[in-house]
C-alpha atoms as a PDB file:
ATOM      1  CA  MET A   1     -15.266  13.387  10.366  1.00  0.00           C
ATOM      2  CA  LEU A   2     -12.803  12.571   7.590  1.00  0.00           C
ATOM      3  CA  PRO A   3     -12.043  15.104   4.884  1.00  0.00           C
ATOM      4  CA  GLU A   4     -12.955  14.235   1.310  1.00  0.00           C
ATOM      5  CA  PHE A   5     -10.219  12.574  -0.711  1.00  0.00           C
ATOM      6  CA  ALA A   6      -9.715  12.819  -4.463  1.00  0.00           C
ATOM      7  CA  THR A   7      -7.874   9.478  -4.680  1.00  0.00           C
ATOM      8  CA  ILE A   8      -7.182   6.413  -2.590  1.00  0.00           C
ATOM      9  CA  ILE A   9      -3.559   7.592  -2.412  1.00  0.00           C
ATOM     10  CA  ASP A  10      -4.760  10.768  -0.674  1.00  0.00           C
ATOM     11  CA  LEU A  11      -6.446   8.547   1.904  1.00  0.00           C
ATOM     12  CA  ILE A  12      -3.307   6.427   2.428  1.00  0.00           C
ATOM     13  CA  ASP A  13      -1.214   9.606   2.835  1.00  0.00           C
ATOM     14  CA  TYR A  14      -3.713  11.024   5.349  1.00  0.00           C
ATOM     15  CA  ARG A  15      -3.885   7.812   7.383  1.00  0.00           C
ATOM     16  CA  ALA A  16      -0.088   7.345   7.306  1.00  0.00           C
ATOM     17  CA  ALA A  17       0.431  10.868   8.631  1.00  0.00           C
ATOM     18  CA  ALA A  18      -2.228  10.426  11.315  1.00  0.00           C
ATOM     19  CA  ALA A  19      -0.866   7.058  12.449  1.00  0.00           C
ATOM     20  CA  SER A  20       2.769   8.215  12.410  1.00  0.00           C
ATOM     21  CA  GLY A  21       3.992   4.613  12.370  1.00  0.00           C
ATOM     22  CA  SER A  22       2.336   3.599  15.628  1.00  0.00           C
ATOM     23  CA  GLY A  23       1.349   0.213  14.194  1.00  0.00           C
ATOM     24  CA  GLU A  24      -1.731   0.205  16.398  1.00  0.00           C
ATOM     25  CA  HIS A  25      -4.222   0.203  13.558  1.00  0.00           C
ATOM     26  CA  PRO A  26      -3.368  -2.110  10.691  1.00  0.00           C
ATOM     27  CA  ALA A  27      -4.342  -0.946   7.231  1.00  0.00           C
ATOM     28  CA  TYR A  28      -4.503  -4.536   5.983  1.00  0.00           C
ATOM     29  CA  THR A  29      -4.190  -7.936   7.568  1.00  0.00           C
ATOM     30  CA  PHE A  30      -3.681 -11.236   5.793  1.00  0.00           C
ATOM     31  CA  LEU A  31      -5.220 -14.434   7.081  1.00  0.00           C
ATOM     32  CA  GLY A  32      -2.778 -17.032   5.778  1.00  0.00           C
ATOM     33  CA  ASP A  33      -4.944 -19.999   6.703  1.00  0.00           C
ATOM     34  CA  GLY A  34      -8.217 -18.135   6.310  1.00  0.00           C
ATOM     35  CA  GLN A  35      -8.661 -17.640  10.055  1.00  0.00           C
ATOM     36  CA  ASN A  36      -5.431 -16.493  11.695  1.00  0.00           C
ATOM     37  CA  VAL A  37      -3.465 -13.317  10.986  1.00  0.00           C
ATOM     38  CA  SER A  38      -0.159 -14.231   9.393  1.00  0.00           C
ATOM     39  CA  ASP A  39       0.889 -10.756   8.227  1.00  0.00           C
ATOM     40  CA  ALA A  40      -0.232  -7.163   8.674  1.00  0.00           C
ATOM     41  CA  VAL A  41       0.827  -3.680   7.658  1.00  0.00           C
ATOM     42  CA  ASP A  42      -0.115  -0.322   9.152  1.00  0.00           C
ATOM     43  CA  TYR A  43      -0.704   2.786   7.042  1.00  0.00           C
ATOM     44  CA  ALA A  44       2.756   4.240   7.607  1.00  0.00           C
ATOM     45  CA  GLY A  45       4.405   0.935   6.681  1.00  0.00           C
ATOM     46  CA  LEU A  46       2.136   0.526   3.667  1.00  0.00           C
ATOM     47  CA  LYS A  47       3.014   3.993   2.403  1.00  0.00           C
ATOM     48  CA  ALA A  48       6.754   3.527   2.992  1.00  0.00           C
ATOM     49  CA  ARG A  49       6.839   0.185   1.187  1.00  0.00           C
ATOM     50  CA  ALA A  50       4.598   1.348  -1.666  1.00  0.00           C
ATOM     51  CA  VAL A  51       6.555   4.573  -2.236  1.00  0.00           C
ATOM     52  CA  ALA A  52       9.844   2.656  -2.311  1.00  0.00           C
ATOM     53  CA  LEU A  53       8.464   0.177  -4.839  1.00  0.00           C
ATOM     54  CA  ALA A  54       6.893   3.032  -6.835  1.00  0.00           C
ATOM     55  CA  ALA A  55      10.320   4.653  -7.198  1.00  0.00           C
ATOM     56  CA  HIS A  56      11.658   1.383  -8.588  1.00  0.00           C
ATOM     57  CA  LEU A  57       8.713   1.076 -10.980  1.00  0.00           C
ATOM     58  CA  GLN A  58       9.217   4.648 -12.175  1.00  0.00           C
ATOM     59  CA  SER A  59      12.830   3.850 -13.010  1.00  0.00           C
ATOM     60  CA  MET A  60      11.694   1.007 -15.275  1.00  0.00           C
ATOM     61  CA  THR A  61       8.413   2.265 -16.763  1.00  0.00           C
ATOM     62  CA  ASP A  62       6.648   5.366 -18.011  1.00  0.00           C
ATOM     63  CA  PRO A  63       3.464   6.782 -16.452  1.00  0.00           C
ATOM     64  CA  GLY A  64       0.461   4.942 -17.831  1.00  0.00           C
ATOM     65  CA  ASP A  65       2.379   1.759 -18.677  1.00  0.00           C
ATOM     66  CA  ARG A  66       0.735  -1.484 -17.700  1.00  0.00           C
ATOM     67  CA  VAL A  67       2.262  -3.551 -14.931  1.00  0.00           C
ATOM     68  CA  LEU A  68       1.417  -7.158 -14.113  1.00  0.00           C
ATOM     69  CA  LEU A  69       1.107  -7.903 -10.397  1.00  0.00           C
ATOM     70  CA  ALA A  70       2.082 -11.551 -10.038  1.00  0.00           C
ATOM     71  CA  HIS A  71       2.157 -12.209  -6.302  1.00  0.00           C
ATOM     72  CA  GLN A  72       1.179 -14.990  -4.016  1.00  0.00           C
ATOM     73  CA  PRO A  73      -1.788 -13.944  -1.859  1.00  0.00           C
ATOM     74  CA  GLY A  74      -0.664 -11.597   0.887  1.00  0.00           C
ATOM     75  CA  ILE A  75       0.427  -8.120   1.860  1.00  0.00           C
ATOM     76  CA  ASP A  76       2.980  -7.913  -0.970  1.00  0.00           C
ATOM     77  CA  TYR A  77       0.119  -7.791  -3.491  1.00  0.00           C
ATOM     78  CA  ILE A  78      -1.461  -4.860  -1.628  1.00  0.00           C
ATOM     79  CA  VAL A  79       1.884  -3.043  -1.534  1.00  0.00           C
ATOM     80  CA  GLY A  80       2.338  -3.682  -5.263  1.00  0.00           C
ATOM     81  CA  PHE A  81      -1.136  -2.361  -6.047  1.00  0.00           C
ATOM     82  CA  PHE A  82      -0.562   0.878  -4.170  1.00  0.00           C
ATOM     83  CA  ALA A  83       2.949   1.198  -5.612  1.00  0.00           C
ATOM     84  CA  CYS A  84       1.398   1.207  -9.073  1.00  0.00           C
ATOM     85  CA  ALA A  85      -0.974   3.968  -7.997  1.00  0.00           C
ATOM     86  CA  TYR A  86       1.860   6.020  -6.514  1.00  0.00           C
ATOM     87  CA  ALA A  87       3.971   5.478  -9.649  1.00  0.00           C
ATOM     88  CA  GLY A  88       1.159   6.565 -11.930  1.00  0.00           C
END
């Protein structure tokens, strides 16, 4: 049974720690043509990428600022979304 989480970031942190970068269980997959997996990211990779981008966002913005996510469909959008959450 999973513990209760206050935020989605708490869940990502929990899953990243539990997965420890094994890559066995993707957090998100992207079906580039609508049927076949063209990209995927596990929880540890998602957290690492999102935290790195969050640090960059924090250097350019203040907490609560609005950020426009202008991405092509794919994993980069998901990373950007979670980076915004990590950055506040």
